[in-house]
């Protein structure tokens, strides 16, 4: 290969898109109590997991009700699954799910009222997480 071809090849390589060196991470905040809004959040989080992203979900306000034992949510078309069922699927696939620190005391609930596997977020930890450069943040 002559020098000119090498320089052109290197120049072309420098203009091609570069994929992130570290795996993508997706932070999904759910505040809505609307089933369709919760459902689309779960669908997008599931798709991110399927594409090898790390997913962390924070439930607060009306969205926090998804974390409470014995609370039901309606099934959505076309999957026939409720947002709660989709959330449980996310957890089984490795997503970390927490309620915000304000949820339990303002809903007169205790950590024992939460679905198994759902924790209580620490604000400093959440802030540090979302400030990482490879974290994409979605809010519903």
C-alpha atoms as a PDB file:
ATOM      1  CA  UNK A   1       0.000   0.000   0.000  1.00  0.00           C
ATOM      2  CA  UNK A   2       1.462   3.346  -0.925  1.00  0.00           C
ATOM      3  CA  UNK A   3       1.609   6.296   1.463  1.00  0.00           C
ATOM      4  CA  UNK A   4      -1.273   8.166  -0.170  1.00  0.00           C
ATOM      5  CA  UNK A   5      -3.598   5.142   0.098  1.00  0.00           C
ATOM      6  CA  UNK A   6      -2.617   4.684   3.733  1.00  0.00           C
ATOM      7  CA  UNK A   7      -3.294   8.342   4.536  1.00  0.00           C
ATOM      8  CA  UNK A   8      -6.687   8.179   2.781  1.00  0.00           C
ATOM      9  CA  UNK A   9      -7.621   4.970   4.616  1.00  0.00           C
ATOM     10  CA  UNK A  10      -6.671   6.474   7.978  1.00  0.00           C
ATOM     11  CA  UNK A  11      -8.585   9.668   7.187  1.00  0.00           C
ATOM     12  CA  UNK A  12     -11.682   7.653   6.274  1.00  0.00           C
ATOM     13  CA  UNK A  13     -11.398   5.607   9.464  1.00  0.00           C
ATOM     14  CA  UNK A  14     -11.338   8.816  11.498  1.00  0.00           C
ATOM     15  CA  UNK A  15     -14.639   9.974   9.985  1.00  0.00           C
ATOM     16  CA  UNK A  16     -16.572   6.758  10.666  1.00  0.00           C
ATOM     17  CA  UNK A  17     -18.923   6.727  13.653  1.00  0.00           C
ATOM     18  CA  UNK A  18     -17.371   5.504  16.845  1.00  0.00           C
ATOM     19  CA  UNK A  19     -19.364   3.237  19.142  1.00  0.00           C
ATOM     20  CA  UNK A  20     -19.139   3.865  22.869  1.00  0.00           C
ATOM     21  CA  UNK A  21     -16.354   1.993  24.580  1.00  0.00           C
ATOM     22  CA  UNK A  22     -18.432   1.383  27.675  1.00  0.00           C
ATOM     23  CA  UNK A  23     -21.835  -0.288  27.617  1.00  0.00           C
ATOM     24  CA  UNK A  24     -24.877   1.951  27.442  1.00  0.00           C
ATOM     25  CA  UNK A  25     -26.827   2.545  30.604  1.00  0.00           C
ATOM     26  CA  UNK A  26     -30.427   3.731  30.731  1.00  0.00           C
ATOM     27  CA  UNK A  27     -32.045   5.432  33.705  1.00  0.00           C
ATOM     28  CA  UNK A  28     -35.857   5.411  33.545  1.00  0.00           C
ATOM     29  CA  UNK A  29     -37.804   7.670  35.905  1.00  0.00           C
ATOM     30  CA  UNK A  30     -41.507   6.882  36.165  1.00  0.00           C
ATOM     31  CA  UNK A  31     -43.764   9.374  37.941  1.00  0.00           C
ATOM     32  CA  UNK A  32     -46.942   8.831  35.948  1.00  0.00           C
ATOM     33  CA  UNK A  33     -49.845   6.759  37.166  1.00  0.00           C
ATOM     34  CA  UNK A  34     -51.219   6.422  33.622  1.00  0.00           C
ATOM     35  CA  UNK A  35     -51.010   2.779  32.504  1.00  0.00           C
ATOM     36  CA  UNK A  36     -50.100   3.549  28.881  1.00  0.00           C
ATOM     37  CA  UNK A  37     -47.316   5.908  29.964  1.00  0.00           C
ATOM     38  CA  UNK A  38     -45.982   3.316  32.394  1.00  0.00           C
ATOM     39  CA  UNK A  39     -46.287   0.675  29.688  1.00  0.00           C
ATOM     40  CA  UNK A  40     -44.260   2.585  27.113  1.00  0.00           C
ATOM     41  CA  UNK A  41     -41.570   3.171  29.745  1.00  0.00           C
ATOM     42  CA  UNK A  42     -41.417  -0.588  30.365  1.00  0.00           C
ATOM     43  CA  UNK A  43     -41.361  -1.417  26.662  1.00  0.00           C
ATOM     44  CA  UNK A  44     -38.464   0.966  26.001  1.00  0.00           C
ATOM     45  CA  UNK A  45     -36.575  -0.273  29.055  1.00  0.00           C
ATOM     46  CA  UNK A  46     -37.106  -3.869  27.890  1.00  0.00           C
ATOM     47  CA  UNK A  47     -35.826  -3.009  24.435  1.00  0.00           C
ATOM     48  CA  UNK A  48     -32.743  -1.371  25.967  1.00  0.00           C
ATOM     49  CA  UNK A  49     -32.085  -4.517  28.021  1.00  0.00           C
ATOM     50  CA  UNK A  50     -32.494  -6.655  24.904  1.00  0.00           C
ATOM     51  CA  UNK A  51     -29.836  -4.486  23.238  1.00  0.00           C
ATOM     52  CA  UNK A  52     -27.424  -5.164  26.128  1.00  0.00           C
ATOM     53  CA  UNK A  53     -27.863  -1.885  28.034  1.00  0.00           C
ATOM     54  CA  UNK A  54     -27.894  -1.744  31.801  1.00  0.00           C
ATOM     55  CA  UNK A  55     -31.270  -0.464  33.028  1.00  0.00           C
ATOM     56  CA  UNK A  56     -32.125   1.262  36.307  1.00  0.00           C
ATOM     57  CA  UNK A  57     -35.712   2.288  37.087  1.00  0.00           C
ATOM     58  CA  UNK A  58     -36.795   4.879  39.665  1.00  0.00           C
ATOM     59  CA  UNK A  59     -40.466   4.928  40.648  1.00  0.00           C
ATOM     60  CA  UNK A  60     -41.894   7.977  42.397  1.00  0.00           C
ATOM     61  CA  UNK A  61     -45.209   9.740  42.954  1.00  0.00           C
ATOM     62  CA  UNK A  62     -48.034   7.877  41.198  1.00  0.00           C
ATOM     63  CA  UNK A  63     -45.461   5.692  39.423  1.00  0.00           C
ATOM     64  CA  UNK A  64     -44.411   4.377  42.831  1.00  0.00           C
ATOM     65  CA  UNK A  65     -47.687   2.500  43.106  1.00  0.00           C
ATOM     66  CA  UNK A  66     -46.192  -0.064  40.700  1.00  0.00           C
ATOM     67  CA  UNK A  67     -43.873  -1.065  43.550  1.00  0.00           C
ATOM     68  CA  UNK A  68     -46.577  -1.615  46.170  1.00  0.00           C
ATOM     69  CA  UNK A  69     -47.665  -5.175  46.935  1.00  0.00           C
ATOM     70  CA  UNK A  70     -51.264  -6.038  46.109  1.00  0.00           C
ATOM     71  CA  UNK A  71     -51.747  -3.071  43.753  1.00  0.00           C
ATOM     72  CA  UNK A  72     -53.036  -4.061  40.350  1.00  0.00           C
ATOM     73  CA  UNK A  73     -52.693  -2.349  37.030  1.00  0.00           C
ATOM     74  CA  UNK A  74     -54.676  -2.986  33.875  1.00  0.00           C
ATOM     75  CA  UNK A  75     -53.365  -5.144  31.037  1.00  0.00           C
ATOM     76  CA  UNK A  76     -52.366  -3.272  27.918  1.00  0.00           C
ATOM     77  CA  UNK A  77     -52.707  -4.231  24.260  1.00  0.00           C
ATOM     78  CA  UNK A  78     -51.084  -5.767  22.317  1.00  0.00           C
ATOM     79  CA  UNK A  79     -49.005  -7.668  24.906  1.00  0.00           C
ATOM     80  CA  UNK A  80     -51.860  -8.387  27.315  1.00  0.00           C
ATOM     81  CA  UNK A  81     -49.500  -7.533  30.192  1.00  0.00           C
ATOM     82  CA  UNK A  82     -49.934  -4.886  32.843  1.00  0.00           C
ATOM     83  CA  UNK A  83     -47.200  -2.351  33.609  1.00  0.00           C
ATOM     84  CA  UNK A  84     -46.593  -4.270  36.878  1.00  0.00           C
ATOM     85  CA  UNK A  85     -46.068  -7.517  34.954  1.00  0.00           C
ATOM     86  CA  UNK A  86     -43.727  -5.732  32.542  1.00  0.00           C
ATOM     87  CA  UNK A  87     -41.807  -4.271  35.506  1.00  0.00           C
ATOM     88  CA  UNK A  88     -41.414  -7.731  37.001  1.00  0.00           C
ATOM     89  CA  UNK A  89     -40.110  -8.941  33.642  1.00  0.00           C
ATOM     90  CA  UNK A  90     -37.548  -6.132  33.651  1.00  0.00           C
ATOM     91  CA  UNK A  91     -36.421  -7.151  37.120  1.00  0.00           C
ATOM     92  CA  UNK A  92     -36.077 -10.795  36.066  1.00  0.00           C
ATOM     93  CA  UNK A  93     -33.932  -9.638  33.140  1.00  0.00           C
ATOM     94  CA  UNK A  94     -31.593  -7.758  35.461  1.00  0.00           C
ATOM     95  CA  UNK A  95     -32.945  -4.221  35.755  1.00  0.00           C
ATOM     96  CA  UNK A  96     -32.445  -2.484  39.093  1.00  0.00           C
ATOM     97  CA  UNK A  97     -35.733  -1.042  40.390  1.00  0.00           C
ATOM     98  CA  UNK A  98     -36.147   1.399  43.277  1.00  0.00           C
ATOM     99  CA  UNK A  99     -38.699   3.812  44.671  1.00  0.00           C
ATOM    100  CA  UNK A 100     -37.575   7.367  45.306  1.00  0.00           C
ATOM    101  CA  UNK A 101     -36.675   8.332  48.850  1.00  0.00           C
ATOM    102  CA  UNK A 102     -39.806  10.491  49.167  1.00  0.00           C
ATOM    103  CA  UNK A 103     -42.286   7.848  48.087  1.00  0.00           C
ATOM    104  CA  UNK A 104     -42.670   5.650  51.185  1.00  0.00           C
ATOM    105  CA  UNK A 105     -42.944   8.358  53.863  1.00  0.00           C
ATOM    106  CA  UNK A 106     -45.402  10.383  51.770  1.00  0.00           C
ATOM    107  CA  UNK A 107     -47.545   7.364  50.934  1.00  0.00           C
ATOM    108  CA  UNK A 108     -47.588   6.167  54.579  1.00  0.00           C
ATOM    109  CA  UNK A 109     -45.855   2.950  53.543  1.00  0.00           C
ATOM    110  CA  UNK A 110     -42.880   0.927  54.755  1.00  0.00           C
ATOM    111  CA  UNK A 111     -40.205  -0.969  52.805  1.00  0.00           C
ATOM    112  CA  UNK A 112     -42.069  -4.181  53.671  1.00  0.00           C
ATOM    113  CA  UNK A 113     -44.998  -2.896  51.582  1.00  0.00           C
ATOM    114  CA  UNK A 114     -42.878  -3.090  48.435  1.00  0.00           C
ATOM    115  CA  UNK A 115     -42.748  -5.926  45.922  1.00  0.00           C
ATOM    116  CA  UNK A 116     -39.783  -8.189  46.639  1.00  0.00           C
ATOM    117  CA  UNK A 117     -36.667  -7.009  44.840  1.00  0.00           C
ATOM    118  CA  UNK A 118     -37.589  -3.315  44.785  1.00  0.00           C
ATOM    119  CA  UNK A 119     -35.413  -1.115  46.962  1.00  0.00           C
ATOM    120  CA  UNK A 120     -35.432   2.443  48.222  1.00  0.00           C
ATOM    121  CA  UNK A 121     -33.128   4.795  46.331  1.00  0.00           C
ATOM    122  CA  UNK A 122     -30.549   6.975  48.029  1.00  0.00           C
ATOM    123  CA  UNK A 123     -30.589  10.437  46.388  1.00  0.00           C
ATOM    124  CA  UNK A 124     -26.781  10.788  46.394  1.00  0.00           C
ATOM    125  CA  UNK A 125     -26.402   7.413  44.668  1.00  0.00           C
ATOM    126  CA  UNK A 126     -29.009   8.279  42.032  1.00  0.00           C
ATOM    127  CA  UNK A 127     -27.402  11.667  41.362  1.00  0.00           C
ATOM    128  CA  UNK A 128     -23.961  10.084  40.975  1.00  0.00           C
ATOM    129  CA  UNK A 129     -25.403   7.467  38.640  1.00  0.00           C
ATOM    130  CA  UNK A 130     -27.197   9.859  36.297  1.00  0.00           C
ATOM    131  CA  UNK A 131     -24.160  12.146  36.091  1.00  0.00           C
ATOM    132  CA  UNK A 132     -22.090   9.416  34.451  1.00  0.00           C
ATOM    133  CA  UNK A 133     -21.404  10.291  30.809  1.00  0.00           C
ATOM    134  CA  UNK A 134     -22.674   6.972  29.406  1.00  0.00           C
ATOM    135  CA  UNK A 135     -26.095   7.124  31.131  1.00  0.00           C
ATOM    136  CA  UNK A 136     -29.121   8.035  29.040  1.00  0.00           C
ATOM    137  CA  UNK A 137     -32.050   9.381  31.064  1.00  0.00           C
ATOM    138  CA  UNK A 138     -35.727   8.894  30.216  1.00  0.00           C
ATOM    139  CA  UNK A 139     -38.582  10.354  32.249  1.00  0.00           C
ATOM    140  CA  UNK A 140     -42.218   9.305  32.133  1.00  0.00           C
END
